[in-house]
Every structure is written in C-alpha cells, then in structure tokens.
N, C-alpha and C. Protein backbone atom coordinates (compact mmCIF):
# COMPACT_ATOMS: atom_id res chain seq x y z
N MET A 1 12.43 3.36 -19.41
CA MET A 1 11.70 2.37 -18.61
C MET A 1 10.10 1.88 -19.42
N PRO A 2 10.19 0.72 -18.80
CA PRO A 2 8.99 0.15 -19.96
C PRO A 2 7.61 0.67 -19.02
N ASN A 3 6.73 0.61 -20.29
CA ASN A 3 5.37 1.13 -19.66
C ASN A 3 4.26 0.11 -20.11
N ILE A 4 3.02 0.16 -19.65
CA ILE A 4 1.89 -0.42 -19.65
C ILE A 4 1.66 -0.65 -21.74
N ARG A 5 1.75 0.45 -22.20
CA ARG A 5 1.84 0.28 -23.56
C ARG A 5 2.58 -0.45 -24.14
N LYS A 6 3.78 -0.81 -23.80
CA LYS A 6 5.00 -1.75 -24.51
C LYS A 6 4.62 -3.02 -24.02
N VAL A 7 3.96 -3.36 -22.91
CA VAL A 7 3.62 -4.49 -22.48
C VAL A 7 2.21 -4.98 -23.57
N ALA A 8 1.40 -4.41 -23.59
CA ALA A 8 0.25 -4.51 -24.36
C ALA A 8 0.77 -4.89 -25.87
N GLU A 9 1.84 -4.20 -26.38
CA GLU A 9 2.39 -4.52 -27.80
C GLU A 9 3.18 -5.73 -27.61
N LEU A 10 3.75 -6.23 -26.74
CA LEU A 10 4.53 -7.53 -26.58
C LEU A 10 3.45 -8.54 -26.57
N ALA A 11 2.49 -8.35 -25.56
CA ALA A 11 1.54 -9.51 -25.51
C ALA A 11 0.36 -9.81 -26.66
N GLY A 12 0.51 -8.51 -27.41
CA GLY A 12 -0.62 -8.69 -28.75
C GLY A 12 -1.95 -8.04 -27.87
N VAL A 13 -2.25 -7.30 -27.13
CA VAL A 13 -3.41 -7.25 -26.50
C VAL A 13 -3.50 -5.79 -26.36
N SER A 14 -4.81 -5.19 -25.86
CA SER A 14 -4.71 -3.77 -25.72
C SER A 14 -4.07 -3.27 -24.23
N VAL A 15 -4.36 -2.24 -24.04
CA VAL A 15 -3.98 -1.74 -22.57
C VAL A 15 -4.75 -1.84 -21.71
N ALA A 16 -5.97 -1.82 -22.20
CA ALA A 16 -7.21 -2.21 -21.10
C ALA A 16 -7.15 -3.74 -20.66
N THR A 17 -6.47 -4.50 -21.53
CA THR A 17 -6.48 -5.92 -21.31
C THR A 17 -5.27 -6.48 -20.44
N VAL A 18 -4.12 -5.48 -20.68
CA VAL A 18 -3.05 -5.95 -19.76
C VAL A 18 -3.17 -5.05 -18.02
N SER A 19 -4.07 -4.19 -18.07
CA SER A 19 -4.53 -3.50 -16.89
C SER A 19 -5.46 -4.52 -16.49
N ARG A 20 -6.35 -5.09 -16.90
CA ARG A 20 -7.62 -5.84 -16.04
C ARG A 20 -6.64 -6.96 -15.73
N THR A 21 -5.80 -7.58 -16.46
CA THR A 21 -4.90 -8.87 -16.34
C THR A 21 -4.10 -8.62 -14.86
N LEU A 22 -3.48 -7.30 -14.69
CA LEU A 22 -2.71 -7.24 -13.58
C LEU A 22 -3.93 -7.00 -12.24
N LYS A 23 -4.80 -6.21 -12.69
CA LYS A 23 -5.82 -6.12 -11.37
C LYS A 23 -6.70 -7.12 -10.98
N THR A 24 -7.31 -7.69 -11.99
CA THR A 24 -8.50 -8.56 -11.61
C THR A 24 -8.13 -9.59 -12.54
N PRO A 25 -6.86 -10.55 -12.43
CA PRO A 25 -6.57 -11.75 -13.47
C PRO A 25 -7.93 -12.72 -13.57
N GLU A 26 -8.83 -12.86 -12.75
CA GLU A 26 -9.70 -13.72 -12.99
C GLU A 26 -10.69 -13.58 -14.18
N ARG A 27 -10.27 -12.49 -14.52
CA ARG A 27 -11.48 -11.46 -15.62
C ARG A 27 -10.94 -12.05 -16.95
N VAL A 28 -9.69 -12.89 -16.99
CA VAL A 28 -9.07 -12.76 -17.89
C VAL A 28 -8.90 -14.26 -18.45
N SER A 29 -8.82 -14.86 -19.69
CA SER A 29 -8.71 -15.78 -20.06
C SER A 29 -7.26 -16.65 -19.45
N PRO A 30 -7.12 -17.66 -19.27
CA PRO A 30 -5.65 -18.07 -18.44
C PRO A 30 -4.54 -17.87 -19.87
N GLN A 31 -4.89 -18.40 -21.16
CA GLN A 31 -4.17 -17.89 -22.07
C GLN A 31 -3.63 -16.50 -22.49
N THR A 32 -4.44 -15.58 -22.42
CA THR A 32 -4.25 -14.14 -22.24
C THR A 32 -3.66 -13.73 -20.99
N ARG A 33 -3.61 -14.26 -19.95
CA ARG A 33 -3.29 -13.90 -18.73
C ARG A 33 -1.68 -14.37 -18.54
N ASP A 34 -1.16 -15.82 -19.61
CA ASP A 34 -0.33 -15.90 -19.62
C ASP A 34 0.78 -15.10 -20.61
N ARG A 35 -0.24 -14.72 -21.48
CA ARG A 35 0.96 -13.92 -22.82
C ARG A 35 1.01 -12.44 -21.90
N VAL A 36 0.22 -12.30 -20.98
CA VAL A 36 0.68 -10.62 -20.56
C VAL A 36 1.65 -11.11 -19.44
N HIS A 37 1.45 -11.93 -18.63
CA HIS A 37 2.63 -12.14 -17.72
C HIS A 37 3.78 -12.15 -18.32
N SER A 38 4.19 -12.63 -19.50
CA SER A 38 5.20 -13.05 -20.12
C SER A 38 5.93 -11.95 -20.60
N ALA A 39 4.93 -11.07 -21.38
CA ALA A 39 5.44 -9.56 -21.86
C ALA A 39 5.84 -8.71 -20.50
N VAL A 40 4.96 -9.04 -19.55
CA VAL A 40 5.34 -8.22 -18.36
C VAL A 40 7.01 -8.41 -17.91
N GLU A 41 7.26 -9.84 -17.76
CA GLU A 41 8.51 -10.20 -17.58
C GLU A 41 9.35 -9.81 -18.43
N GLN A 42 9.20 -9.98 -19.71
CA GLN A 42 10.32 -9.78 -20.95
C GLN A 42 10.54 -8.08 -20.95
N ALA A 43 9.55 -7.38 -20.53
CA ALA A 43 9.65 -6.09 -20.51
C ALA A 43 9.99 -5.49 -19.39
N GLY A 44 10.33 -6.22 -18.43
CA GLY A 44 10.67 -5.52 -17.08
C GLY A 44 9.86 -4.53 -16.48
N TYR A 45 8.49 -4.74 -16.83
CA TYR A 45 7.55 -3.75 -16.41
C TYR A 45 7.30 -3.62 -15.08
N ARG A 46 7.20 -2.69 -14.24
CA ARG A 46 6.88 -2.30 -12.98
C ARG A 46 5.63 -1.38 -12.97
N PRO A 47 4.92 -1.58 -12.45
CA PRO A 47 3.81 -0.61 -12.38
C PRO A 47 4.03 0.67 -11.34
N ASN A 48 3.59 1.87 -11.84
CA ASN A 48 4.02 3.01 -11.05
C ASN A 48 3.12 3.02 -9.90
N LEU A 49 3.50 2.86 -8.89
CA LEU A 49 2.92 3.01 -7.40
C LEU A 49 2.24 4.21 -7.27
N MET A 50 2.90 5.34 -7.49
CA MET A 50 2.20 6.44 -7.48
C MET A 50 1.23 6.59 -8.35
N ALA A 51 0.90 6.27 -9.46
CA ALA A 51 -0.20 6.44 -10.33
C ALA A 51 -1.19 5.77 -10.01
N VAL A 52 -1.01 4.46 -9.58
CA VAL A 52 -1.93 3.30 -9.09
C VAL A 52 -2.57 3.90 -7.70
N GLN A 53 -1.98 4.41 -6.64
CA GLN A 53 -2.40 5.16 -5.52
C GLN A 53 -3.14 6.35 -6.05
N PHE A 54 -2.82 6.80 -7.13
CA PHE A 54 -3.70 8.18 -7.34
C PHE A 54 -5.08 7.90 -7.90
N ARG A 55 -4.98 6.88 -9.06
CA ARG A 55 -6.13 6.46 -9.23
C ARG A 55 -7.10 6.12 -8.49
N SER A 56 -6.59 5.28 -7.82
CA SER A 56 -7.39 4.32 -6.75
C SER A 56 -7.71 5.12 -5.41
N ARG A 57 -7.11 6.28 -5.33
CA ARG A 57 -7.12 6.97 -3.84
C ARG A 57 -6.88 5.98 -2.85
N LYS A 58 -5.96 5.27 -2.69
CA LYS A 58 -5.42 4.66 -1.55
C LYS A 58 -3.92 4.35 -2.07
N THR A 59 -3.56 4.23 -0.63
CA THR A 59 -1.94 4.04 -0.54
C THR A 59 -1.52 2.47 -0.07
N ARG A 60 -2.40 2.01 0.41
CA ARG A 60 -2.25 0.79 1.10
C ARG A 60 -1.34 0.77 2.31
N ASN A 61 -1.11 2.12 2.96
CA ASN A 61 -0.23 2.23 3.76
C ASN A 61 -1.09 2.45 5.24
N LEU A 62 -0.76 1.96 6.34
CA LEU A 62 -1.17 2.39 7.78
C LEU A 62 -0.20 2.63 8.66
N VAL A 63 -0.56 3.99 9.37
CA VAL A 63 0.58 4.18 10.13
C VAL A 63 0.06 3.91 11.45
N VAL A 64 1.33 3.16 12.13
CA VAL A 64 1.12 2.66 13.59
C VAL A 64 1.84 3.64 14.44
N LEU A 65 1.22 4.55 15.40
CA LEU A 65 1.80 5.20 16.30
C LEU A 65 2.31 4.64 17.58
N VAL A 66 3.37 4.18 18.41
CA VAL A 66 3.41 3.59 19.19
C VAL A 66 4.70 4.68 20.62
N PRO A 67 4.04 4.33 21.60
CA PRO A 67 4.63 5.64 22.61
C PRO A 67 6.36 5.02 22.54
N VAL A 68 5.98 3.47 23.12
CA VAL A 68 7.68 2.94 23.07
C VAL A 68 7.64 1.64 22.68
N ILE A 69 8.57 1.62 21.43
CA ILE A 69 8.63 0.17 20.89
C ILE A 69 8.94 -0.86 21.46
N ALA A 70 10.00 -0.74 22.45
CA ALA A 70 10.74 -1.74 23.24
C ALA A 70 9.82 -2.51 24.14
N ASN A 71 8.56 -1.79 24.44
CA ASN A 71 7.74 -2.64 25.27
C ASN A 71 7.13 -3.92 24.42
N VAL A 72 7.16 -4.78 25.63
CA VAL A 72 6.94 -6.24 25.08
C VAL A 72 5.19 -6.21 24.45
N PHE A 73 4.57 -5.51 25.30
CA PHE A 73 3.00 -5.72 25.29
C PHE A 73 3.03 -5.02 23.82
N PHE A 74 3.50 -3.73 23.26
CA PHE A 74 3.34 -2.95 22.17
C PHE A 74 3.94 -4.29 21.01
N ALA A 75 4.98 -4.44 21.20
CA ALA A 75 5.68 -5.48 20.21
C ALA A 75 4.63 -6.35 19.98
N ARG A 76 3.82 -7.08 20.84
CA ARG A 76 3.19 -8.23 20.40
C ARG A 76 1.69 -7.55 19.61
N VAL A 77 1.33 -6.44 20.08
CA VAL A 77 0.32 -5.89 19.31
C VAL A 77 0.73 -5.54 17.94
N ILE A 78 1.72 -4.78 17.60
CA ILE A 78 2.25 -4.34 16.18
C ILE A 78 2.43 -5.92 15.65
N SER A 79 2.64 -6.73 16.15
CA SER A 79 3.28 -8.25 15.31
C SER A 79 1.57 -8.43 14.69
N GLY A 80 0.54 -8.53 15.49
CA GLY A 80 -0.51 -8.66 15.03
C GLY A 80 -1.18 -7.67 14.14
N ILE A 81 -1.04 -6.55 14.32
CA ILE A 81 -1.24 -5.34 13.31
C ILE A 81 -0.66 -5.60 12.02
N GLN A 82 0.86 -6.05 12.06
CA GLN A 82 1.44 -6.32 11.07
C GLN A 82 0.80 -7.67 10.02
N GLU A 83 0.48 -8.67 10.91
CA GLU A 83 -0.20 -9.81 10.21
C GLU A 83 -1.54 -9.51 9.55
N ALA A 84 -2.40 -8.77 10.14
CA ALA A 84 -3.74 -8.61 9.72
C ALA A 84 -3.47 -7.53 8.43
N ALA A 85 -2.80 -6.54 8.51
CA ALA A 85 -2.32 -5.40 7.62
C ALA A 85 -2.11 -6.64 6.22
N GLN A 86 -1.04 -7.26 6.45
CA GLN A 86 -0.38 -7.98 5.19
C GLN A 86 -1.48 -9.23 4.43
N SER A 87 -2.45 -9.30 5.23
CA SER A 87 -3.38 -10.32 4.90
C SER A 87 -4.41 -9.32 4.15
N PHE A 88 -4.28 -8.18 4.03
CA PHE A 88 -5.20 -7.23 3.27
C PHE A 88 -4.52 -6.26 2.60
N ASN A 89 -3.15 -6.82 2.17
CA ASN A 89 -2.22 -5.99 1.03
C ASN A 89 -1.78 -4.75 1.52
N TYR A 90 -1.91 -4.36 3.05
CA TYR A 90 -1.41 -3.19 3.50
C TYR A 90 -0.21 -3.23 3.80
N ARG A 91 0.82 -1.99 3.96
CA ARG A 91 1.95 -1.71 4.40
C ARG A 91 1.55 -1.18 5.78
N VAL A 92 2.85 -1.39 6.84
CA VAL A 92 2.42 -0.76 8.30
C VAL A 92 3.81 0.28 8.24
N LEU A 93 3.45 1.51 8.52
CA LEU A 93 4.50 2.55 8.73
C LEU A 93 4.67 2.53 10.07
N LEU A 94 5.60 1.96 10.90
CA LEU A 94 5.76 2.21 12.38
C LEU A 94 6.32 3.46 12.88
N CYS A 95 5.61 4.15 14.03
CA CYS A 95 6.55 5.28 14.42
C CYS A 95 6.77 5.09 15.84
N ASP A 96 8.13 4.88 16.49
CA ASP A 96 8.04 5.11 17.77
C ASP A 96 7.93 6.81 18.18
N THR A 97 6.93 7.17 18.79
CA THR A 97 6.70 8.65 18.93
C THR A 97 7.28 9.02 20.49
N ARG A 98 7.70 8.05 21.45
CA ARG A 98 8.47 8.25 22.61
C ARG A 98 7.17 9.13 23.32
N GLY A 99 5.68 9.16 23.30
CA GLY A 99 5.07 9.90 23.82
C GLY A 99 4.87 11.34 23.47
N ARG A 100 5.40 11.75 22.41
CA ARG A 100 5.40 12.93 22.00
C ARG A 100 4.33 13.40 21.21
N GLU A 101 3.37 14.16 21.39
CA GLU A 101 2.18 14.60 20.87
C GLU A 101 2.56 15.14 19.63
N GLU A 102 3.78 16.28 19.35
CA GLU A 102 3.75 16.85 17.90
C GLU A 102 4.22 15.90 16.94
N VAL A 103 4.99 14.72 17.68
CA VAL A 103 5.55 13.42 16.70
C VAL A 103 4.22 12.86 15.76
N GLU A 104 3.38 12.69 16.75
CA GLU A 104 2.20 11.97 16.55
C GLU A 104 1.25 12.75 15.66
N THR A 105 1.18 13.88 16.01
CA THR A 105 0.46 14.85 14.98
C THR A 105 1.09 14.74 13.70
N ALA A 106 2.32 15.07 13.67
CA ALA A 106 3.21 14.99 12.42
C ALA A 106 2.84 13.91 11.53
N TYR A 107 2.77 12.29 12.06
CA TYR A 107 2.64 11.23 11.39
C TYR A 107 1.05 10.89 11.04
N ALA A 108 0.47 11.62 12.11
CA ALA A 108 -1.10 11.27 11.50
C ALA A 108 -1.77 12.26 10.31
N GLU A 109 -0.74 13.35 10.25
CA GLU A 109 -0.75 14.13 9.05
C GLU A 109 -0.88 13.52 7.68
N LEU A 110 -0.10 12.68 7.67
CA LEU A 110 0.22 11.48 6.39
C LEU A 110 -1.35 10.99 6.02
N VAL A 111 -2.35 10.96 6.78
CA VAL A 111 -3.44 10.58 6.21
C VAL A 111 -4.20 11.75 5.88
N HIS A 112 -4.15 12.84 6.02
CA HIS A 112 -4.61 14.14 5.47
C HIS A 112 -3.97 14.49 4.09
N ALA A 113 -2.55 13.98 4.00
CA ALA A 113 -1.65 14.47 2.69
C ALA A 113 -1.92 13.21 1.93
N HIS A 114 -2.89 12.31 2.04
CA HIS A 114 -3.01 11.04 1.26
C HIS A 114 -1.82 10.08 1.00
N GLN A 115 -1.11 9.99 2.19
CA GLN A 115 -0.03 9.47 2.23
C GLN A 115 0.25 7.99 3.03
N ALA A 116 -1.15 8.02 3.56
CA ALA A 116 -1.78 6.74 4.31
C ALA A 116 -3.06 6.77 4.27
N ASP A 117 -3.31 5.44 4.55
CA ASP A 117 -5.00 5.27 4.92
C ASP A 117 -5.70 5.43 6.05
N GLY A 118 -4.78 5.50 6.92
CA GLY A 118 -5.26 5.18 8.44
C GLY A 118 -4.17 5.35 9.34
N VAL A 119 -4.49 5.71 10.60
CA VAL A 119 -3.53 5.67 11.69
C VAL A 119 -4.25 4.90 12.73
N ILE A 120 -3.21 4.10 13.29
CA ILE A 120 -3.62 3.21 14.45
C ILE A 120 -2.83 3.66 15.52
N GLN A 121 -3.31 4.26 16.45
CA GLN A 121 -2.45 4.59 17.74
C GLN A 121 -2.74 4.04 19.05
N LEU A 122 -1.62 3.50 19.66
CA LEU A 122 -1.60 2.92 20.67
C LEU A 122 -1.43 3.72 21.89
N ARG A 123 -2.00 4.77 22.07
CA ARG A 123 -2.19 5.77 23.26
C ARG A 123 -3.35 6.52 23.38
N ALA A 124 -3.65 7.14 24.28
CA ALA A 124 -4.73 8.18 24.19
C ALA A 124 -4.72 9.41 23.73
N PHE A 125 -3.81 10.27 23.39
CA PHE A 125 -3.75 11.49 22.72
C PHE A 125 -4.42 11.19 21.39
N ASN A 126 -5.13 12.33 21.08
CA ASN A 126 -6.07 12.17 19.72
C ASN A 126 -5.21 13.58 18.77
N PRO A 127 -4.43 12.80 18.10
CA PRO A 127 -3.70 13.78 16.84
C PRO A 127 -4.73 14.63 16.11
N PHE A 128 -5.96 14.15 16.05
CA PHE A 128 -7.17 15.06 14.79
C PHE A 128 -7.61 16.18 15.67
N GLY A 129 -7.23 16.03 17.08
CA GLY A 129 -7.79 17.24 17.85
C GLY A 129 -9.20 17.04 18.02
N GLU A 130 -9.74 15.69 17.60
CA GLU A 130 -11.28 15.77 17.84
C GLU A 130 -11.70 14.85 19.13
N THR A 131 -12.77 14.97 19.39
CA THR A 131 -12.95 14.21 20.70
C THR A 131 -14.36 13.06 20.49
C-alpha cells in the first residue's frame, strides 16, 4: 500500500510538503502542487482516514436521529441537513430510531466514542441524559 513517504519520494519533495499540499494546497506553489498530485496519482495514494481523524480529532461525521424516516416532514429536514453538511465536508449518518430511546442513546454514544462529531436529533428525547 502506498504511503505519504512514497509520494514524497516520487514528487521529489519532503513528507511535510506532501502533507501541506493535500491539506492546504493554496500554501504551495502551483508547480509543486502539480508534482505532488501527479505523484499521488502515480502511487495510487489514499490518505488513511482513521489516522487523519485521530490527528485532527474530527471525524467529519454527524449522526441524525429520526423517529420515522418515511415522514415527509423529516425527509425534507434530512435533505436540508445533508446539503448543509456536505457544504462543510461532513458526512451524515442517518438512523431511523422508530422513537426507541435505547437506539437513540446507542447512536448518540458515537460522539463519546469519537466516531462522530455531533448529533442532530429530530425529537424531544435527550440521549445524553442532561436537561
């Protein structure tokens, strides 16, 4: 499996330059950016999302808890949430809870387990037990 060191070697730059190019491309010259992107393609490099999430402490996941997904009202709300989340590079993890508190609590635990950055709950139950 190709890694960032291999990309740096192919591009003739440092690992830090590859990282900077992938995270903040505006901070790198267009020529270097082109070399790095070419090396990424040549190597078939894909960032390890778990490592990125560990370092950044962000998963870019949002949990959306819905009591009834088939409800037209909730479908429209979910559509808006999805659109807004994508504009900020977040993924939406959707759960049809059928109003069961134990299901909502289990999915809300993804935040405590650092597998999601937040919960949007579309009903009145508080899965964190706080008021």
